[in-house]
Protein backbone atom coordinates (compact mmCIF):
# COMPACT_ATOMS: atom_id res chain seq x y z
CA UNK A 1 -14.27 -3.35 21.86
CA UNK A 2 -14.19 -2.99 17.88
CA UNK A 3 -16.63 -3.65 15.33
CA UNK A 4 -15.54 -5.07 12.15
CA UNK A 5 -16.79 -2.68 9.21
CA UNK A 6 -16.34 -4.10 5.83
CA UNK A 7 -13.06 -2.89 3.70
CA UNK A 8 -15.26 -1.26 0.76
CA UNK A 9 -16.14 1.25 3.75
CA UNK A 10 -12.41 2.10 4.96
CA UNK A 11 -10.44 1.57 1.95
CA UNK A 12 -8.25 4.42 2.14
CA UNK A 13 -9.84 6.50 4.04
CA UNK A 14 -6.40 6.86 6.00
CA UNK A 15 -2.81 5.77 4.85
CA UNK A 16 -0.77 3.73 7.96
CA UNK A 17 2.19 3.35 7.78
CA UNK A 18 2.34 0.19 9.94
CA UNK A 19 0.42 -1.83 7.14
CA UNK A 20 4.05 -1.56 5.44
CA UNK A 21 5.80 -3.57 8.13
CA UNK A 22 6.21 -7.20 7.05
CA UNK A 23 5.68 -9.54 10.21
CA UNK A 24 7.05 -12.52 10.66
CA UNK A 25 4.32 -14.88 10.00
CA UNK A 26 5.17 -18.65 11.12
CA UNK A 27 1.56 -19.05 12.04
CA UNK A 28 0.99 -19.98 8.03
CA UNK A 29 1.07 -23.31 7.47
CA UNK A 30 1.72 -24.72 3.80
CA UNK A 31 -0.23 -23.44 1.09
CA UNK A 32 -0.55 -24.73 -2.79
CA UNK A 33 -0.10 -21.94 -4.30
CA UNK A 34 -2.45 -20.85 -7.38
CA UNK A 35 -3.72 -17.56 -8.33
CA UNK A 36 -6.09 -15.92 -7.06
CA UNK A 37 -6.49 -12.58 -9.46
CA UNK A 38 -5.36 -11.57 -12.45
CA UNK A 39 -5.34 -7.62 -13.00
CA UNK A 40 -3.94 -6.85 -16.21
CA UNK A 41 -0.39 -8.66 -16.46
CA UNK A 42 -0.04 -8.14 -12.88
CA UNK A 43 -1.39 -11.69 -10.40
CA UNK A 44 -2.00 -11.96 -6.50
CA UNK A 45 -1.27 -15.63 -5.35
CA UNK A 46 -3.01 -17.45 -2.56
CA UNK A 47 -0.06 -17.03 -0.44
CA UNK A 48 0.38 -13.41 -0.92
CA UNK A 49 -3.46 -13.24 -0.27
CA UNK A 50 -2.96 -15.52 2.99
CA UNK A 51 -0.09 -13.74 4.30
CA UNK A 52 -2.65 -10.65 4.47
CA UNK A 53 -5.45 -12.67 5.87
CA UNK A 54 -3.37 -13.96 8.50
CA UNK A 55 -2.14 -10.63 9.77
CA UNK A 56 -5.55 -8.99 9.25
CA UNK A 57 -7.83 -11.88 11.75
CA UNK A 58 -4.71 -11.80 14.23
CA UNK A 59 -4.87 -7.67 13.86
CA UNK A 60 -8.58 -8.25 14.44
CA UNK A 61 -8.24 -10.27 17.52
CA UNK A 62 -5.86 -8.03 19.16
CA UNK A 63 -8.17 -5.29 18.93
CA UNK A 64 -10.94 -7.66 20.35
CA UNK A 65 -13.36 -6.96 16.94
CA UNK A 66 -16.76 -8.17 17.40
CA UNK A 67 -18.70 -9.85 15.57
CA UNK A 68 -15.40 -11.64 14.34
CA UNK A 69 -15.75 -11.98 10.60
CA UNK A 70 -15.61 -14.87 9.04
CA UNK A 71 -12.16 -16.21 7.43
CA UNK A 72 -14.01 -15.67 3.63
CA UNK A 73 -15.07 -12.81 4.58
CA UNK A 74 -11.77 -11.55 5.47
CA UNK A 75 -9.87 -12.98 2.35
CA UNK A 76 -12.70 -10.99 -0.30
CA UNK A 77 -12.12 -7.92 1.75
CA UNK A 78 -8.11 -8.24 1.28
CA UNK A 79 -8.44 -9.76 -2.16
CA UNK A 80 -10.60 -6.79 -3.39
CA UNK A 81 -8.50 -4.19 -1.68
CA UNK A 82 -5.20 -5.76 -3.19
CA UNK A 83 -6.89 -5.66 -6.81
CA UNK A 84 -7.41 -2.06 -6.06
CA UNK A 85 -3.64 -1.47 -5.01
CA UNK A 86 -2.58 -3.06 -8.41
CA UNK A 87 -4.79 -0.62 -10.13
CA UNK A 88 -3.41 2.48 -8.77
CA UNK A 89 -0.42 1.05 -8.80
CA UNK A 90 -1.12 0.54 -12.41
CA UNK A 91 -2.76 3.99 -13.22
CA UNK A 92 0.60 5.71 -11.23
CA UNK A 93 3.05 3.99 -13.18
CA UNK A 94 1.06 4.70 -16.87
CA UNK A 95 0.65 8.42 -15.42
CA UNK A 96 5.16 8.49 -15.37
CA UNK A 97 4.48 9.49 -11.73
CA UNK A 98 7.53 9.13 -9.68
CA UNK A 99 7.89 9.14 -5.93
CA UNK A 100 11.30 10.37 -4.97
CA UNK A 101 13.79 8.61 -2.65
CA UNK A 102 13.23 11.24 -0.28
CA UNK A 103 9.82 10.13 0.47
CA UNK A 104 10.38 6.87 0.78
CA UNK A 105 13.08 7.16 3.53
CA UNK A 106 10.96 9.57 5.75
CA UNK A 107 8.47 6.94 5.48
CA UNK A 108 10.71 4.40 6.68
CA UNK A 109 12.34 6.38 9.45
CA UNK A 110 8.51 6.83 10.64
CA UNK A 111 7.99 2.99 10.74
CA UNK A 112 11.28 2.06 12.60
CA UNK A 113 10.35 4.83 15.39
CA UNK A 114 6.36 3.47 15.14
CA UNK A 115 7.90 0.28 15.91
CA UNK A 116 10.79 1.53 18.05
CA UNK A 117 13.61 -0.21 15.83
CA UNK A 118 16.86 1.06 16.12
CA UNK A 119 19.14 1.40 13.12
CA UNK A 120 19.71 -1.69 10.94
CA UNK A 121 16.89 -3.36 13.14
CA UNK A 122 13.84 -3.88 9.97
CA UNK A 123 16.64 -4.41 7.70
CA UNK A 124 17.85 -7.51 9.87
CA UNK A 125 13.83 -8.68 10.37
CA UNK A 126 13.44 -8.66 5.93
CA UNK A 127 15.96 -10.74 5.74
CA UNK A 128 14.58 -13.00 8.73
CA UNK A 129 11.49 -12.98 6.19
CA UNK A 130 13.56 -14.01 3.48
CA UNK A 131 13.04 -10.46 1.75
CA UNK A 132 15.11 -7.81 0.60
CA UNK A 133 15.40 -4.06 1.94
CA UNK A 134 15.16 -3.12 -1.86
CA UNK A 135 11.36 -4.69 -2.25
CA UNK A 136 10.76 -2.96 0.55
CA UNK A 137 11.33 -0.10 -0.45
CA UNK A 138 9.54 -0.35 -3.04
CA UNK A 139 6.23 -1.26 -1.29
CA UNK A 140 6.95 1.90 0.70
CA UNK A 141 7.12 3.63 -2.77
CA UNK A 142 4.28 1.72 -4.12
CA UNK A 143 1.67 2.76 -1.32
CA UNK A 144 3.02 6.28 -1.52
CA UNK A 145 2.31 6.30 -5.11
CA UNK A 146 -1.40 4.68 -4.29
CA UNK A 147 -1.67 7.51 -2.24
CA UNK A 148 -1.16 9.71 -4.29
CA UNK A 149 -2.76 9.10 -7.32
CA UNK A 150 -5.97 8.27 -5.27
CA UNK A 151 -5.99 11.98 -3.48
CA UNK A 152 -5.27 13.44 -6.49
CA UNK A 153 -8.07 11.93 -8.77
CA UNK A 154 -10.46 12.46 -6.02
CA UNK A 155 -9.60 16.33 -5.21
CA UNK A 156 -9.57 17.20 -9.36
CA UNK A 157 -13.37 15.25 -9.49
CA UNK A 158 -15.29 17.14 -6.09
CA UNK A 159 -16.71 20.84 -6.91
CA UNK A 160 -18.20 22.32 -4.55
CA UNK A 161 -21.29 25.07 -5.84
CA UNK A 162 -21.98 28.05 -4.41
CA UNK A 163 -25.58 26.76 -4.18
CA UNK A 164 -24.53 24.14 -2.43
CA UNK A 165 -22.74 25.76 0.36
CA UNK A 166 -25.25 28.56 0.59
CA UNK A 167 -28.33 25.82 1.09
CA UNK A 168 -26.13 23.73 3.67
CA UNK A 169 -25.70 27.27 5.69
CA UNK A 170 -29.33 28.18 5.68
CA UNK A 171 -30.66 24.25 6.72
CA UNK A 172 -28.01 24.08 9.68
CA UNK A 173 -28.16 28.31 10.97
CA UNK A 174 -28.48 26.82 14.30
CA UNK A 175 -25.10 25.30 13.82
CA UNK A 176 -23.20 28.66 13.50
CA UNK A 177 -25.04 30.55 16.67
CA UNK A 178 -21.98 31.73 19.06
CA UNK A 179 -23.65 33.04 22.40
CA UNK A 180 -23.08 35.62 23.78
CA UNK A 181 -19.91 35.72 25.99
CA UNK A 182 -18.06 37.69 29.19
CA UNK A 183 -14.70 38.52 30.00
CA UNK A 184 -14.65 38.30 33.54
CA UNK A 185 -12.67 38.84 36.88
CA UNK A 186 -13.77 37.94 40.44
CA UNK A 187 -13.32 38.43 44.00
CA UNK A 188 -13.64 35.31 45.91
CA UNK A 189 -13.71 34.71 49.90
CA UNK A 190 -14.21 31.15 51.21
CA UNK A 191 -17.05 30.28 53.06
CA UNK A 192 -16.57 26.79 53.67
CA UNK A 193 -19.77 24.77 55.78
CA UNK A 194 -18.20 24.07 58.96
CA UNK A 195 -16.05 27.70 59.28
CA UNK A 196 -17.06 29.25 62.26
CA UNK A 197 -19.57 31.41 62.19
CA UNK A 198 -16.83 34.16 63.79
CA UNK A 199 -14.58 33.76 61.06
CA UNK A 200 -17.32 33.48 58.56
CA UNK A 201 -17.84 37.17 59.68
CA UNK A 202 -14.31 38.46 59.37
CA UNK A 203 -15.14 37.12 55.91
CA UNK A 204 -17.95 39.37 55.27
CA UNK A 205 -15.91 42.55 56.70
CA UNK A 206 -12.99 41.56 54.95
CA UNK A 207 -15.10 41.14 51.53
CA UNK A 208 -16.63 44.73 52.16
CA UNK A 209 -13.86 46.39 53.04
CA UNK A 210 -12.24 45.12 48.92
CA UNK A 211 -15.96 46.26 47.45
CA UNK A 212 -15.13 50.04 49.00
CA UNK A 213 -11.45 50.30 47.71
CA UNK A 214 -13.01 49.18 44.34
CA UNK A 215 -15.67 51.43 44.04
CA UNK A 216 -13.37 54.48 45.54
CA UNK A 217 -11.35 53.62 42.59
CA UNK A 218 -8.15 51.11 43.03
CA UNK A 219 -7.54 48.77 40.28
CA UNK A 220 -9.71 45.55 40.59
CA UNK A 221 -6.71 43.52 39.29
CA UNK A 222 -4.57 44.88 42.27
CA UNK A 223 -7.33 44.67 44.71
CA UNK A 224 -7.69 41.04 43.77
CA UNK A 225 -4.12 39.95 44.04
CA UNK A 226 -4.70 41.62 47.61
CA UNK A 227 -7.82 39.57 48.93
CA UNK A 228 -8.60 36.72 46.80
CA UNK A 229 -8.44 33.31 48.18
CA UNK A 230 -8.97 31.99 44.38
CA UNK A 231 -6.23 30.34 42.19
CA UNK A 232 -7.22 33.32 39.58
CA UNK A 233 -5.70 35.88 42.57
CA UNK A 234 -2.46 35.76 41.09
CA UNK A 235 -4.32 37.30 37.57
CA UNK A 236 -5.82 39.59 38.93
CA UNK A 237 -8.98 37.63 39.12
CA UNK A 238 -9.04 36.59 35.41
CA UNK A 239 -12.04 33.90 34.45
CA UNK A 240 -11.23 34.03 30.46
CA UNK A 241 -14.89 34.55 28.09
CA UNK A 242 -17.65 32.31 30.23
CA UNK A 243 -21.01 32.14 28.35
CA UNK A 244 -24.61 30.90 29.99
CA UNK A 245 -24.42 27.38 31.23
CA UNK A 246 -20.92 27.55 32.52
CA UNK A 247 -21.01 29.22 35.95
CA UNK A 248 -23.05 28.57 38.84
CA UNK A 249 -26.62 30.43 38.69
CA UNK A 250 -26.47 33.17 41.50
CA UNK A 251 -23.11 33.87 39.88
CA UNK A 252 -24.30 33.89 36.37
CA UNK A 253 -27.41 35.70 36.99
CA UNK A 254 -25.03 38.66 38.74
CA UNK A 255 -22.34 38.75 35.83
CA UNK A 256 -25.33 38.64 33.54
CA UNK A 257 -27.00 41.57 35.10
CA UNK A 258 -24.03 43.57 34.72
CA UNK A 259 -22.75 46.75 31.86
CA UNK A 260 -19.45 46.09 29.99
CA UNK A 261 -16.71 47.76 33.09
CA UNK A 262 -19.30 47.66 36.03
CA UNK A 263 -18.83 45.65 39.63
CA UNK A 264 -21.38 44.08 41.10
CA UNK A 265 -21.65 44.11 44.93
CA UNK A 266 -21.12 41.07 47.14
CA UNK A 267 -22.70 37.75 45.15
CA UNK A 268 -23.42 35.11 47.56
CA UNK A 269 -22.69 31.36 45.98
CA UNK A 270 -22.03 27.98 47.34
CA UNK A 271 -18.62 29.08 47.13
CA UNK A 272 -18.72 32.05 49.23
CA UNK A 273 -18.95 35.39 48.47
CA UNK A 274 -17.89 37.42 45.11
CA UNK A 275 -17.15 40.60 43.45
CA UNK A 276 -17.68 40.47 40.09
CA UNK A 277 -16.41 42.98 37.25
CA UNK A 278 -17.00 43.07 33.35
CA UNK A 279 -14.17 43.85 31.69
CA UNK A 280 -15.90 42.84 28.10
CA UNK A 281 -18.96 41.92 26.39
CA UNK A 282 -19.13 40.00 23.25
CA UNK A 283 -22.63 39.96 22.24
CA UNK A 284 -23.90 36.88 20.55
CA UNK A 285 -24.96 36.17 16.96
CA UNK A 286 -24.79 34.31 14.06
CA UNK A 287 -21.55 33.90 12.12
CA UNK A 288 -21.63 34.89 8.44
CA UNK A 289 -21.52 32.54 5.79
CA UNK A 290 -18.10 34.07 4.68
CA UNK A 291 -16.42 32.82 8.35
CA UNK A 292 -17.49 29.64 7.97
CA UNK A 293 -17.23 29.02 3.87
CA UNK A 294 -14.33 26.50 4.02
CA UNK A 295 -15.51 24.36 6.77
CA UNK A 296 -18.72 23.83 5.30
CA UNK A 297 -16.78 23.17 1.49
CA UNK A 298 -14.60 20.58 3.79
CA UNK A 299 -17.75 19.13 4.79
CA UNK A 300 -18.86 18.29 1.01
CA UNK A 301 -15.53 17.43 -0.13
CA UNK A 302 -14.97 14.96 2.69
CA UNK A 303 -18.78 13.60 1.95
CA UNK A 304 -18.18 13.22 -1.95
CA UNK A 305 -14.61 11.75 -1.30
CA UNK A 306 -15.73 8.10 -0.83
CA UNK A 307 -18.22 8.02 -3.53
CA UNK A 308 -15.73 10.05 -6.01
CA UNK A 309 -13.02 7.28 -4.97
CA UNK A 310 -15.72 4.21 -6.22
CA UNK A 311 -16.23 5.96 -9.02
CA UNK A 312 -12.58 6.10 -10.34
CA UNK A 313 -12.17 2.45 -9.09
CA UNK A 314 -14.94 1.54 -11.22
CA UNK A 315 -13.61 3.43 -14.02
CA UNK A 316 -10.09 1.40 -13.70
CA UNK A 317 -11.56 -1.81 -13.25
CA UNK A 318 -14.10 -1.05 -16.61
CA UNK A 319 -10.63 -0.53 -18.50
CA UNK A 320 -8.88 -3.23 -17.00
CA UNK A 321 -8.82 -7.17 -17.28
CA UNK A 322 -9.70 -8.56 -13.65
CA UNK A 323 -10.42 -11.57 -12.89
CA UNK A 324 -11.56 -13.04 -9.47
CA UNK A 325 -10.85 -16.37 -9.07
CA UNK A 326 -10.46 -16.82 -5.17
CA UNK A 327 -13.85 -19.55 -4.53
CA UNK A 328 -13.34 -20.98 -8.06
CA UNK A 329 -11.85 -24.08 -6.93
CA UNK A 330 -11.32 -25.92 -3.43
CA UNK A 331 -7.92 -24.67 -1.16
CA UNK A 332 -5.49 -27.35 -0.34
CA UNK A 333 -3.52 -26.59 3.27
CA UNK A 334 -2.12 -29.61 4.27
CA UNK A 335 -1.45 -30.19 7.51
CA UNK A 336 -3.85 -26.95 8.54
CA UNK A 337 -4.74 -27.90 12.15
CA UNK A 338 -5.95 -25.56 14.54
CA UNK A 339 -4.09 -22.73 12.45
CA UNK A 340 -6.68 -19.64 12.02
CA UNK A 341 -6.53 -19.35 8.39
CA UNK A 342 -8.01 -22.99 9.03
CA UNK A 343 -11.26 -21.36 10.12
CA UNK A 344 -12.97 -20.40 6.93
CA UNK A 345 -16.41 -21.80 6.03
CA UNK A 346 -16.35 -24.76 3.88
CA UNK A 347 -18.89 -23.68 1.54
CA UNK A 348 -17.08 -21.44 -1.47
CA UNK A 349 -18.99 -17.61 -1.72
CA UNK A 350 -20.55 -16.83 -5.30
CA UNK A 351 -19.67 -14.54 -7.65
CA UNK A 352 -21.86 -11.96 -6.59
CA UNK A 353 -20.54 -11.99 -3.03
CA UNK A 354 -17.09 -11.42 -3.87
CA UNK A 355 -17.70 -7.90 -4.91
CA UNK A 356 -15.82 -7.55 -8.09
CA UNK A 357 -15.75 -8.50 -11.56
CA UNK A 358 -15.25 -12.10 -10.97
CA UNK A 359 -17.06 -13.70 -13.56
CA UNK A 360 -14.63 -12.16 -16.42
CA UNK A 361 -13.80 -14.64 -18.86
CA UNK A 362 -11.61 -14.53 -22.33
CA UNK A 363 -14.30 -13.21 -24.42
CA UNK A 364 -12.13 -12.55 -28.04
CA UNK A 365 -9.06 -14.23 -29.30
CA UNK A 366 -6.82 -11.78 -27.60
CA UNK A 367 -7.79 -12.65 -23.63
CA UNK A 368 -7.93 -16.17 -25.03
CA UNK A 369 -4.32 -16.37 -25.64
CA UNK A 370 -3.80 -14.17 -22.74
CA UNK A 371 -5.72 -16.82 -20.52
CA UNK A 372 -4.12 -19.76 -21.56
CA UNK A 373 -0.39 -17.84 -20.80
CA UNK A 374 -2.00 -17.70 -17.30
CA UNK A 375 -3.11 -20.94 -17.03
CA UNK A 376 0.82 -22.08 -17.67
CA UNK A 377 2.44 -19.20 -15.69
CA UNK A 378 0.25 -21.21 -12.79
CA UNK A 379 1.74 -24.06 -13.42
CA UNK A 380 5.27 -22.70 -13.34
CA UNK A 381 4.83 -20.47 -10.10
CA UNK A 382 3.35 -23.86 -8.43
CA UNK A 383 6.79 -25.51 -9.43
CA UNK A 384 9.13 -22.65 -7.92
CA UNK A 385 6.89 -21.89 -4.85
CA UNK A 386 7.61 -26.21 -4.06
CA UNK A 387 11.28 -25.16 -4.70
CA UNK A 388 11.22 -22.68 -2.00
CA UNK A 389 8.93 -24.61 0.36
CA UNK A 390 11.74 -27.37 0.26
CA UNK A 391 14.50 -24.70 0.97
CA UNK A 392 15.91 -25.40 -2.25
CA UNK A 393 15.85 -21.54 -3.34
CA UNK A 394 14.99 -18.40 -1.17
CA UNK A 395 12.45 -16.37 -0.77
CA UNK A 396 14.37 -13.66 -2.48
CA UNK A 397 14.84 -16.27 -5.75
CA UNK A 398 11.36 -17.42 -5.53
CA UNK A 399 10.30 -13.89 -6.24
CA UNK A 400 12.63 -12.99 -8.94
CA UNK A 401 11.72 -15.99 -10.63
CA UNK A 402 7.93 -15.28 -10.34
CA UNK A 403 8.53 -11.41 -11.68
CA UNK A 404 10.70 -13.33 -15.00
CA UNK A 405 7.49 -15.50 -15.64
CA UNK A 406 5.51 -11.93 -15.49
CA UNK A 407 7.94 -10.31 -17.85
CA UNK A 408 7.09 -13.52 -19.95
CA UNK A 409 2.90 -12.59 -19.82
């Protein structure tokens, strides 16, 4: 079961290539298209938003997200995301930022591998949805640009002072304590409970013989290969480095009582009889600040990144024309029936609940002219949308007409 977390906490925390794959949306019913948001000279239509919302809700159901958000919540969150995406793309274009074809090709290969698509299948899927490969490549290019711009803007705004690092180190000094470790070898003679007493006695004699050989100067590893019944016998009884709490108590006490290079007597544990050798002792201690500086610095960068990104997006919004009209008028969806997109509550959300500059109104002559252009655009867009829905023009032609309208705004 997954838990739904509002978009504002997750946006761009990761770059998921699967989001770039347009999947069939045959479950969508007819929508009377309208503009739901305006971002500078770009617009977002209801049909574009509902396509994303449909896929998001289906994904939530697949992951068994609980509690399931309402359709209004998902629409608001997704529209926030789409507005942010347009602001980021606009910021990248103003900088003259370019994403080369090599990176786009690499992303497409990743998508094909992730979705187990053979060569050419992706293009066929796009055509079936009335979309072109060039449109899709542009979408990928924009996603890469958004990720790059976000990373660049956040990195340049974050600074971590030496005082912050020192203070964090002092407050969390216990995190950097490294316990003492022993590099150990052993020889084991297994003593199962069901083993007859005479067999146990034979094993005790063998253990004494092995110990005598070691005390006489024979190589511990060689004796371990000859006598040990543990899986470590082939490696000369090597157990690697161990710290307190990783061994049975009897074995641990005997091992930590030894000095470096010393060999124990016979040590009895629930597993049997052991002969233990300490190859090396690494004393416990606190890691120096220089050893953990990069780790602490990365903790601060991670903690500050989300806030810096929010601040950057707020700056972009303040310097842009952003109007959110999602819940300003009722949405008519003929024949919605039991479709997932028809599950939204009837009551509209307030502008405060939408979470963006949803109450932006034209407050100057220039903005009033801009507003009237958008209103005329909306009427023309509905006309072309009707032609597409009645299959009088293709999906690709519809997008071309929409772009032509945008170019005249």
